[in-house]
Amino acid sequence: MDSTYLTDLFNQYTEKSSLLYQTWFIHSEQRLHAFNQVRKGTRQIVTTIQDGTFPRDLRGSALEEVMNVIASQTEIFKGAKHAFMWKPKLRIPDIYENRENQLAFATMLSEVLKTNSSIKMLLAVNALANKKIKGLGPAVANILYFLEPSIFCPFNTKIVAGYNLLTNSKIRLGKWEDYFKLRDGIIELNEKGGLFSKDLGAITAFLFDIGSLKYVIPENSDKYLMVEEKSSTKAQLDKSSEIEKQRDLHYRIQYMLADIGNSLGYRAWIASNDHNRTAFGKRLGDVSIPKLPSTIANLPKHDQETVGLIDVLWFYPDGSPVCAFEVEKSTSIMSGMNRMDDLYESLKTDMMLYIVAPDNREQEVLAQFNRPHYMHQHNLHDHIRYILFEDLKDNYKSLKRFGKDFSILGPISHFPDGKVVS
């Protein structure tokens, strides 16, 4: 997998305030507190097994206390406790009635607790895996993560699903050999992306959100749409289909603008929350620079956010802005002009601003552009233009037809057929 693509996925993911990286990995005091609790509780598991006081059921055991701590760690560990609940009819997991299996479990936990060597830890886990204890599979990794988070990653259905979708792998649940393959693959992804910490909780959260279809990327978008369709009524499906068409058009316009800018020798940026969207079968992030230039990164955080969400920006190679485009398919023209005004005030530089709108909204655009009081009061008159969709499409076709002969487009101050009201 391409490291630039992976880094871009990581970067966009970390900015999503509603997903697990922000809600659990970064801002959860409960997560940090759990490391000491689980470590302390695991020592108690080992002690009770060794002295023969470990009960013949999960209830009331030190293992139950540890799993309660882990299962409380938001949705990523929801259900982690179930794997350790005693199922008498199936005789699993076979650590409540079989003394030899108990001791093997305790030996592995003890080895992981007392050593600082990753090799010794992995050998201890491998030794337990070789025992093939019925019902005691890689769910144990959810304990191991809290004992050494840089060596062991959690393991559950959604994490496996996310990894398989992203890497086109076929990791299975319940098999230790698959867990080791998953662990090695996750560490490789983590190193290649070069953004998350060595605590494997970060990349595991990333994979969990992909597997849960909460972080939509090209690799899981088909499944996301299928789930959306199944959960909707026919009327909702029709509405969703129309909304999707409108969004697709929006993304195609963004793609064309970025592609033209790149072809002209500028460096195009597409709004950060659209990098993983697709147009013409291609990912928008692939025609966008992965991060805003340092000229923007040095702005106050609020201004950075304003700039980062503009639909399309062009920058000179030195990072200074050339022009900005807001695509107003159905939203208020005035709101687009206000965003452009905010952008212009934030950057305080000479650049052109373009409202890009459907042909049937031209009169609406003109109505806003013909408000002299607003245009002059906000200093918009000299630097804002509008472009109609069909004009843009014609220029884009010409670009593709004539290569880099851009005389047909005219100077940048009027690009492309940008209209201004005098």
Protein backbone atom coordinates (compact mmCIF):
# COMPACT_ATOMS: atom_id res chain seq x y z
CA MET A 1 0.00 0.00 0.00
CA ASP A 2 1.30 3.45 -0.94
CA SER A 3 2.65 5.27 2.12
CA THR A 4 1.48 8.71 0.92
CA TYR A 5 -2.08 7.43 0.53
CA LEU A 6 -1.94 5.77 3.95
CA THR A 7 -0.58 8.91 5.62
CA ASP A 8 -3.36 10.96 4.05
CA LEU A 9 -5.97 8.49 5.38
CA PHE A 10 -4.39 8.70 8.85
CA ASN A 11 -4.21 12.49 8.73
CA GLN A 12 -7.85 12.96 7.73
CA TYR A 13 -8.96 10.38 10.31
CA THR A 14 -7.26 12.16 13.21
CA GLU A 15 -9.30 15.30 12.47
CA LYS A 16 -12.67 13.54 12.88
CA SER A 17 -13.87 14.64 16.30
CA SER A 18 -16.61 11.99 16.52
CA LEU A 19 -14.39 8.96 15.85
CA LEU A 20 -12.38 6.81 18.24
CA TYR A 21 -8.98 8.46 17.79
CA GLN A 22 -10.35 11.67 19.31
CA THR A 23 -13.03 10.28 21.63
CA TRP A 24 -11.09 7.31 23.05
CA PHE A 25 -7.39 7.30 22.19
CA ILE A 26 -6.51 10.97 22.70
CA HIS A 27 -9.06 12.36 25.11
CA SER A 28 -9.99 9.44 27.36
CA GLU A 29 -8.61 9.60 30.89
CA GLN A 30 -10.42 6.31 31.46
CA ARG A 31 -8.20 4.64 28.85
CA LEU A 32 -5.00 5.80 30.54
CA HIS A 33 -6.27 4.79 33.97
CA ALA A 34 -7.13 1.31 32.64
CA PHE A 35 -3.47 0.38 32.05
CA ASN A 36 -2.66 0.37 35.76
CA GLN A 37 -5.97 -1.30 36.66
CA VAL A 38 -5.50 -4.12 34.16
CA ARG A 39 -1.88 -4.66 35.13
CA LYS A 40 -2.77 -4.84 38.81
CA GLY A 41 -5.74 -7.13 38.09
CA THR A 42 -3.66 -9.44 35.90
CA ARG A 43 -1.17 -9.95 38.72
CA GLN A 44 -4.14 -10.99 40.85
CA ILE A 45 -5.27 -13.48 38.16
CA VAL A 46 -1.82 -15.07 38.22
CA THR A 47 -1.75 -15.21 42.02
CA THR A 48 -5.19 -16.81 42.38
CA ILE A 49 -4.43 -19.42 39.74
CA GLN A 50 -1.09 -20.28 41.33
CA ASP A 51 -2.47 -20.58 44.86
CA GLY A 52 -5.54 -22.54 43.72
CA THR A 53 -8.18 -19.95 44.67
CA PHE A 54 -9.19 -19.10 41.10
CA PRO A 55 -12.96 -19.88 40.89
CA ARG A 56 -14.62 -22.32 38.50
CA ASP A 57 -16.55 -19.54 36.82
CA LEU A 58 -15.83 -16.02 35.58
CA ARG A 59 -18.13 -14.53 38.21
CA GLY A 60 -16.31 -13.23 41.24
CA SER A 61 -12.86 -13.84 39.75
CA ALA A 62 -9.97 -11.45 39.25
CA LEU A 63 -10.38 -12.14 35.54
CA GLU A 64 -13.91 -10.75 35.66
CA GLU A 65 -12.65 -7.56 37.31
CA VAL A 66 -10.04 -7.13 34.57
CA MET A 67 -12.57 -7.73 31.80
CA ASN A 68 -15.01 -5.25 33.39
CA VAL A 69 -12.32 -2.57 33.17
CA ILE A 70 -11.56 -3.43 29.55
CA ALA A 71 -15.21 -3.71 28.47
CA SER A 72 -15.87 -0.22 29.88
CA GLN A 73 -13.45 1.27 27.32
CA THR A 74 -16.16 2.58 24.98
CA GLU A 75 -17.37 0.67 21.95
CA ILE A 76 -13.99 -0.61 20.74
CA PHE A 77 -13.97 -3.20 23.58
CA LYS A 78 -17.71 -3.69 23.85
CA GLY A 79 -18.33 -7.40 24.25
CA ALA A 80 -14.71 -8.21 25.16
CA LYS A 81 -15.92 -9.89 28.35
CA HIS A 82 -18.15 -12.41 26.55
CA ALA A 83 -15.23 -14.52 25.33
CA PHE A 84 -14.31 -15.34 28.95
CA MET A 85 -17.79 -16.18 30.21
CA TRP A 86 -18.04 -19.85 31.19
CA LYS A 87 -20.25 -21.83 28.82
CA PRO A 88 -20.85 -25.18 30.60
CA LYS A 89 -22.50 -26.97 27.68
CA LEU A 90 -19.53 -26.22 25.40
CA ARG A 91 -16.90 -26.54 28.18
CA ILE A 92 -15.34 -23.25 27.03
CA PRO A 93 -13.17 -21.44 27.69
CA ASP A 94 -11.46 -24.46 29.24
CA ILE A 95 -9.65 -22.64 32.06
CA TYR A 96 -12.27 -23.12 34.78
CA GLU A 97 -12.24 -26.91 35.07
CA ASN A 98 -8.83 -27.84 33.62
CA ARG A 99 -6.02 -27.11 36.07
CA GLU A 100 -3.27 -27.61 33.50
CA ASN A 101 -4.88 -25.07 31.16
CA GLN A 102 -5.27 -22.59 34.04
CA LEU A 103 -1.57 -22.82 34.83
CA ALA A 104 -0.63 -22.37 31.16
CA PHE A 105 -2.77 -19.21 31.06
CA ALA A 106 -1.16 -17.90 34.25
CA THR A 107 2.35 -18.72 33.03
CA MET A 108 1.83 -16.70 29.84
CA LEU A 109 0.44 -13.70 31.75
CA SER A 110 3.27 -13.88 34.29
CA GLU A 111 5.94 -13.95 31.55
CA VAL A 112 4.44 -10.90 29.82
CA LEU A 113 4.22 -9.02 33.13
CA LYS A 114 7.78 -9.63 34.26
CA THR A 115 9.82 -9.20 31.06
CA ASN A 116 10.74 -6.11 29.05
CA SER A 117 11.69 -8.17 26.02
CA SER A 118 9.20 -8.17 23.17
CA ILE A 119 10.68 -11.48 21.93
CA LYS A 120 10.06 -13.17 25.28
CA MET A 121 6.52 -11.79 25.39
CA LEU A 122 5.71 -13.13 21.94
CA LEU A 123 7.28 -16.50 22.74
CA ALA A 124 5.14 -16.73 25.88
CA VAL A 125 1.96 -16.02 23.91
CA ASN A 126 3.01 -18.45 21.19
CA ALA A 127 3.53 -21.15 23.83
CA LEU A 128 -0.03 -20.60 25.06
CA ALA A 129 -1.33 -20.69 21.48
CA ASN A 130 0.41 -24.03 20.92
CA LYS A 131 -1.56 -25.50 23.85
CA LYS A 132 -4.70 -25.08 21.72
CA ILE A 133 -6.88 -24.56 24.78
CA LYS A 134 -10.48 -24.90 23.72
CA GLY A 135 -12.23 -21.51 23.65
CA LEU A 136 -9.15 -19.54 24.74
CA GLY A 137 -8.25 -17.73 21.53
CA PRO A 138 -6.97 -14.29 20.51
CA ALA A 139 -9.61 -12.53 22.63
CA VAL A 140 -6.80 -12.72 25.23
CA ALA A 141 -5.10 -10.00 23.15
CA ASN A 142 -7.54 -7.49 24.62
CA ILE A 143 -5.84 -8.08 27.98
CA LEU A 144 -2.36 -8.14 26.46
CA TYR A 145 -2.89 -4.74 24.84
CA PHE A 146 -3.26 -3.13 28.27
CA LEU A 147 -0.12 -4.90 29.49
CA GLU A 148 2.07 -3.82 26.56
CA PRO A 149 0.31 -1.58 24.00
CA SER A 150 3.32 -1.25 21.69
CA ILE A 151 3.62 -5.03 21.27
CA PHE A 152 0.02 -6.30 21.24
CA CYS A 153 -3.01 -4.94 19.41
CA PRO A 154 -6.64 -5.60 20.41
CA PHE A 155 -8.60 -8.19 18.43
CA ASN A 156 -12.29 -8.23 17.55
CA THR A 157 -14.71 -8.52 14.63
CA LYS A 158 -14.67 -4.85 13.58
CA ILE A 159 -10.88 -4.53 13.79
CA VAL A 160 -10.45 -7.60 11.60
CA ALA A 161 -13.10 -6.32 9.17
CA GLY A 162 -11.37 -2.93 8.92
CA TYR A 163 -7.96 -4.51 8.31
CA ASN A 164 -9.34 -6.87 5.67
CA LEU A 165 -11.13 -4.05 3.86
CA LEU A 166 -8.11 -1.74 3.86
CA THR A 167 -5.53 -4.37 2.86
CA ASN A 168 -7.72 -6.82 0.93
CA SER A 169 -6.65 -9.55 3.36
CA LYS A 170 -8.53 -12.58 4.68
CA ILE A 171 -7.74 -12.59 8.39
CA ARG A 172 -10.13 -14.86 10.34
CA LEU A 173 -11.48 -14.55 13.85
CA GLY A 174 -10.65 -17.04 16.57
CA LYS A 175 -7.30 -18.28 15.29
CA TRP A 176 -4.02 -17.42 17.00
CA GLU A 177 -2.08 -17.71 13.72
CA ASP A 178 -4.41 -15.11 12.19
CA TYR A 179 -3.90 -12.83 15.18
CA PHE A 180 -0.12 -12.93 14.68
CA LYS A 181 -0.56 -12.11 10.97
CA LEU A 182 -2.88 -9.24 11.89
CA ARG A 183 -0.46 -7.92 14.49
CA ASP A 184 2.48 -7.96 12.06
CA GLY A 185 0.36 -6.31 9.37
CA ILE A 186 -0.87 -3.59 11.73
CA ILE A 187 2.66 -2.75 12.82
CA GLU A 188 3.73 -2.56 9.17
CA LEU A 189 0.81 -0.22 8.37
CA ASN A 190 1.65 1.91 11.40
CA GLU A 191 5.27 2.32 10.32
CA LYS A 192 4.37 2.97 6.69
CA GLY A 193 1.77 5.64 7.56
CA GLY A 194 4.27 7.30 9.89
CA LEU A 195 1.73 9.34 11.85
CA PHE A 196 0.28 7.35 14.74
CA SER A 197 2.25 6.61 17.90
CA LYS A 198 3.72 3.19 18.72
CA ASP A 199 0.76 2.58 21.01
CA LEU A 200 -1.21 0.28 18.71
CA GLY A 201 -4.47 1.57 20.13
CA ALA A 202 -4.39 4.47 17.66
CA ILE A 203 -4.19 2.42 14.48
CA THR A 204 -6.55 -0.17 15.97
CA ALA A 205 -9.14 2.55 16.53
CA PHE A 206 -8.60 3.62 12.91
CA LEU A 207 -9.24 0.06 11.69
CA PHE A 208 -12.22 -0.39 14.01
CA ASP A 209 -13.89 2.73 12.60
CA ILE A 210 -13.26 1.48 9.06
CA GLY A 211 -14.72 -1.92 9.93
CA SER A 212 -17.70 -0.23 11.60
CA LEU A 213 -18.19 1.86 8.42
CA LYS A 214 -17.92 5.04 10.48
CA TYR A 215 -14.83 6.24 8.63
CA VAL A 216 -15.69 5.99 4.95
CA ILE A 217 -12.79 5.37 2.58
CA PRO A 218 -12.73 4.03 -0.99
CA GLU A 219 -12.09 0.49 0.28
CA ASN A 220 -15.28 0.33 2.38
CA SER A 221 -17.54 2.76 0.54
CA ASP A 222 -19.46 -0.01 -1.26
CA LYS A 223 -20.27 -1.74 2.03
CA TYR A 224 -21.21 1.60 3.55
CA LEU A 225 -23.70 2.26 0.77
CA MET A 226 -25.13 -1.26 1.10
CA VAL A 227 -25.74 -0.78 4.82
CA GLU A 228 -27.29 2.61 4.19
CA GLU A 229 -29.60 1.14 1.58
CA LYS A 230 -30.72 -1.74 3.79
CA SER A 231 -31.59 0.60 6.65
CA SER A 232 -33.70 2.94 4.52
CA THR A 233 -37.25 2.79 3.22
CA LYS A 234 -37.87 3.11 -0.52
CA ALA A 235 -38.69 6.80 -0.14
CA GLN A 236 -35.52 7.35 1.84
CA LEU A 237 -33.58 5.45 -0.79
CA ASP A 238 -34.94 7.70 -3.53
CA LYS A 239 -34.03 10.77 -1.52
CA SER A 240 -30.58 9.38 -0.72
CA SER A 241 -30.01 8.59 -4.37
CA GLU A 242 -30.80 12.17 -5.34
CA ILE A 243 -28.57 13.55 -2.59
CA GLU A 244 -25.80 11.21 -3.72
CA LYS A 245 -26.13 12.46 -7.29
CA GLN A 246 -25.84 16.04 -6.08
CA ARG A 247 -22.81 15.15 -3.99
CA ASP A 248 -21.24 13.32 -6.92
CA LEU A 249 -21.65 16.42 -9.07
CA HIS A 250 -20.08 18.52 -6.32
CA TYR A 251 -17.11 16.15 -6.15
CA ARG A 252 -16.72 16.16 -9.96
CA ILE A 253 -16.59 19.95 -9.97
CA GLN A 254 -13.95 19.89 -7.21
CA TYR A 255 -11.93 17.34 -9.15
CA MET A 256 -12.01 19.39 -12.36
CA LEU A 257 -10.94 22.56 -10.57
CA ALA A 258 -8.05 20.79 -8.82
CA ASP A 259 -6.97 19.00 -12.00
CA ILE A 260 -6.92 22.27 -13.95
CA GLY A 261 -4.93 23.99 -11.21
CA ASN A 262 -2.34 21.22 -11.11
CA SER A 263 -2.06 21.26 -14.90
CA LEU A 264 -1.41 25.01 -14.81
CA GLY A 265 1.52 24.44 -12.48
CA TYR A 266 -0.17 25.39 -9.24
CA ARG A 267 -0.59 23.13 -6.21
CA ALA A 268 -4.27 22.32 -5.70
CA TRP A 269 -5.92 21.71 -2.33
CA ILE A 270 -9.32 20.07 -1.89
CA ALA A 271 -11.33 20.50 1.34
CA SER A 272 -9.89 18.15 3.97
CA ASN A 273 -13.20 16.39 4.65
CA ASP A 274 -13.52 15.44 0.96
CA HIS A 275 -10.12 13.78 0.40
CA ASN A 276 -11.60 10.27 0.58
CA ARG A 277 -14.46 11.02 -1.81
CA THR A 278 -14.24 9.91 -5.42
CA ALA A 279 -14.99 11.50 -8.80
CA PHE A 280 -14.50 10.02 -12.26
CA GLY A 281 -13.44 6.83 -10.47
CA LYS A 282 -10.55 8.58 -8.73
CA ARG A 283 -9.97 9.67 -5.15
CA LEU A 284 -10.09 13.45 -4.63
CA GLY A 285 -7.14 13.29 -2.24
CA ASP A 286 -4.99 12.03 -5.14
CA VAL A 287 -5.30 15.38 -6.96
CA SER A 288 -4.84 17.40 -3.77
CA ILE A 289 -1.73 18.19 -1.78
CA PRO A 290 -1.95 16.09 1.42
CA LYS A 291 -1.49 19.03 3.77
CA LEU A 292 -1.94 22.77 3.59
CA PRO A 293 1.29 24.73 2.99
CA SER A 294 3.23 26.16 5.93
CA THR A 295 1.91 29.61 5.03
CA ILE A 296 -1.50 28.36 6.18
CA ALA A 297 -0.25 26.16 9.03
CA ASN A 298 1.17 29.29 10.70
CA LEU A 299 -2.26 30.93 10.89
CA PRO A 300 -4.39 30.82 14.07
CA LYS A 301 -6.28 27.52 14.44
CA HIS A 302 -9.68 29.04 13.58
CA ASP A 303 -8.29 30.52 10.37
CA GLN A 304 -6.62 27.22 9.47
CA GLU A 305 -9.98 25.47 9.82
CA THR A 306 -11.66 28.13 7.63
CA VAL A 307 -9.06 27.70 4.90
CA GLY A 308 -8.96 23.90 5.16
CA LEU A 309 -12.69 23.55 4.42
CA ILE A 310 -12.76 25.73 1.30
CA ASP A 311 -13.82 23.46 -1.59
CA VAL A 312 -10.73 24.08 -3.76
CA LEU A 313 -7.65 26.28 -3.38
CA TRP A 314 -4.71 26.87 -5.69
CA PHE A 315 -1.30 27.74 -4.31
CA TYR A 316 1.92 28.89 -5.91
CA PRO A 317 4.85 26.48 -5.41
CA ASP A 318 6.07 28.69 -2.55
CA GLY A 319 2.79 28.13 -0.70
CA SER A 320 1.17 31.52 -1.25
CA PRO A 321 -2.49 31.37 -2.35
CA VAL A 322 -3.53 32.09 -5.94
CA CYS A 323 -7.28 31.67 -5.85
CA ALA A 324 -10.14 29.89 -4.10
CA PHE A 325 -13.33 28.22 -5.31
CA GLU A 326 -16.56 27.55 -3.44
CA VAL A 327 -19.01 25.22 -5.19
CA GLU A 328 -22.59 26.26 -4.47
CA LYS A 329 -24.73 23.49 -5.95
CA SER A 330 -27.74 24.04 -3.71
CA THR A 331 -26.57 25.96 -0.64
CA SER A 332 -26.97 29.69 -0.16
CA ILE A 333 -24.94 31.88 -2.51
CA MET A 334 -24.61 34.44 0.25
CA SER A 335 -23.18 31.86 2.64
CA GLY A 336 -20.55 31.04 0.02
CA MET A 337 -19.70 34.71 -0.38
CA ASN A 338 -19.42 35.08 3.39
CA ARG A 339 -16.99 32.14 3.54
CA MET A 340 -14.94 33.76 0.81
CA ASP A 341 -14.97 37.04 2.71
CA ASP A 342 -13.75 35.24 5.85
CA LEU A 343 -11.02 33.57 3.81
CA TYR A 344 -9.88 36.85 2.29
CA GLU A 345 -9.76 38.52 5.71
CA SER A 346 -7.86 35.57 7.20
CA LEU A 347 -5.16 35.47 4.53
CA LYS A 348 -4.96 39.22 3.91
CA THR A 349 -3.36 38.64 0.51
CA ASP A 350 -4.17 39.50 -3.09
CA MET A 351 -6.00 36.49 -4.49
CA MET A 352 -9.03 35.77 -6.63
CA LEU A 353 -12.21 34.22 -5.25
CA TYR A 354 -14.72 32.28 -7.32
CA ILE A 355 -18.28 31.18 -6.65
CA VAL A 356 -18.93 28.13 -8.85
CA ALA A 357 -22.64 27.56 -9.44
CA PRO A 358 -25.08 25.74 -11.76
CA ASP A 359 -26.23 27.63 -14.83
CA ASN A 360 -29.80 27.79 -13.52
CA ARG A 361 -28.61 29.76 -10.48
CA GLU A 362 -26.95 32.55 -12.45
CA GLN A 363 -29.73 35.05 -11.71
CA GLU A 364 -29.48 34.23 -8.02
CA VAL A 365 -25.72 34.81 -8.16
CA LEU A 366 -26.22 38.09 -9.98
CA ALA A 367 -28.73 39.22 -7.37
CA GLN A 368 -26.09 38.83 -4.67
CA PHE A 369 -23.28 40.31 -6.78
CA ASN A 370 -25.48 43.35 -7.51
CA ARG A 371 -25.70 44.38 -3.87
CA PRO A 372 -23.29 47.36 -4.01
CA HIS A 373 -23.47 48.07 -0.29
CA TYR A 374 -22.40 44.52 0.60
CA MET A 375 -19.82 44.22 -2.15
CA HIS A 376 -18.06 47.49 -1.33
CA GLN A 377 -18.45 47.30 2.44
CA HIS A 378 -16.79 43.88 2.45
CA ASN A 379 -14.23 44.76 -0.24
CA LEU A 380 -15.43 41.89 -2.42
CA HIS A 381 -16.03 43.80 -5.64
CA ASP A 382 -12.45 43.76 -6.93
CA HIS A 383 -11.55 40.16 -6.22
CA ILE A 384 -14.63 37.95 -6.50
CA ARG A 385 -16.00 36.36 -9.67
CA TYR A 386 -18.41 33.57 -10.52
CA ILE A 387 -18.13 30.58 -12.83
CA LEU A 388 -21.01 28.56 -14.21
CA PHE A 389 -20.80 24.78 -14.28
CA GLU A 390 -21.12 24.53 -18.08
CA ASP A 391 -18.37 27.11 -18.62
CA LEU A 392 -16.12 25.13 -16.30
CA LYS A 393 -16.90 21.85 -18.05
CA ASP A 394 -16.20 23.40 -21.48
CA ASN A 395 -12.85 24.74 -20.31
CA TYR A 396 -12.00 21.39 -18.72
CA LYS A 397 -12.76 19.56 -21.97
CA SER A 398 -10.56 22.07 -23.83
CA LEU A 399 -7.77 21.47 -21.34
CA LYS A 400 -7.93 17.73 -21.97
CA ARG A 401 -8.17 18.23 -25.72
CA PHE A 402 -5.38 20.80 -26.15
CA GLY A 403 -3.02 19.66 -23.41
CA LYS A 404 -1.11 22.57 -21.91
CA ASP A 405 -2.11 25.17 -24.47
CA PHE A 406 -4.16 27.29 -22.09
CA SER A 407 -4.61 30.37 -24.27
CA ILE A 408 -8.25 29.36 -24.56
CA LEU A 409 -8.67 29.96 -20.81
CA GLY A 410 -7.53 33.56 -20.76
CA PRO A 411 -5.58 35.23 -17.92
CA ILE A 412 -5.93 33.92 -14.38
CA SER A 413 -7.78 37.04 -13.24
CA HIS A 414 -10.65 36.04 -15.52
CA PHE A 415 -10.31 32.25 -15.28
CA PRO A 416 -12.25 30.58 -16.81
CA ASP A 417 -14.78 33.00 -18.24
CA GLY A 418 -15.17 34.23 -14.69
CA LYS A 419 -17.92 36.82 -14.72
CA VAL A 420 -17.95 40.08 -12.83
CA VAL A 421 -20.69 42.65 -12.41
CA SER A 422 -19.62 46.24 -13.02
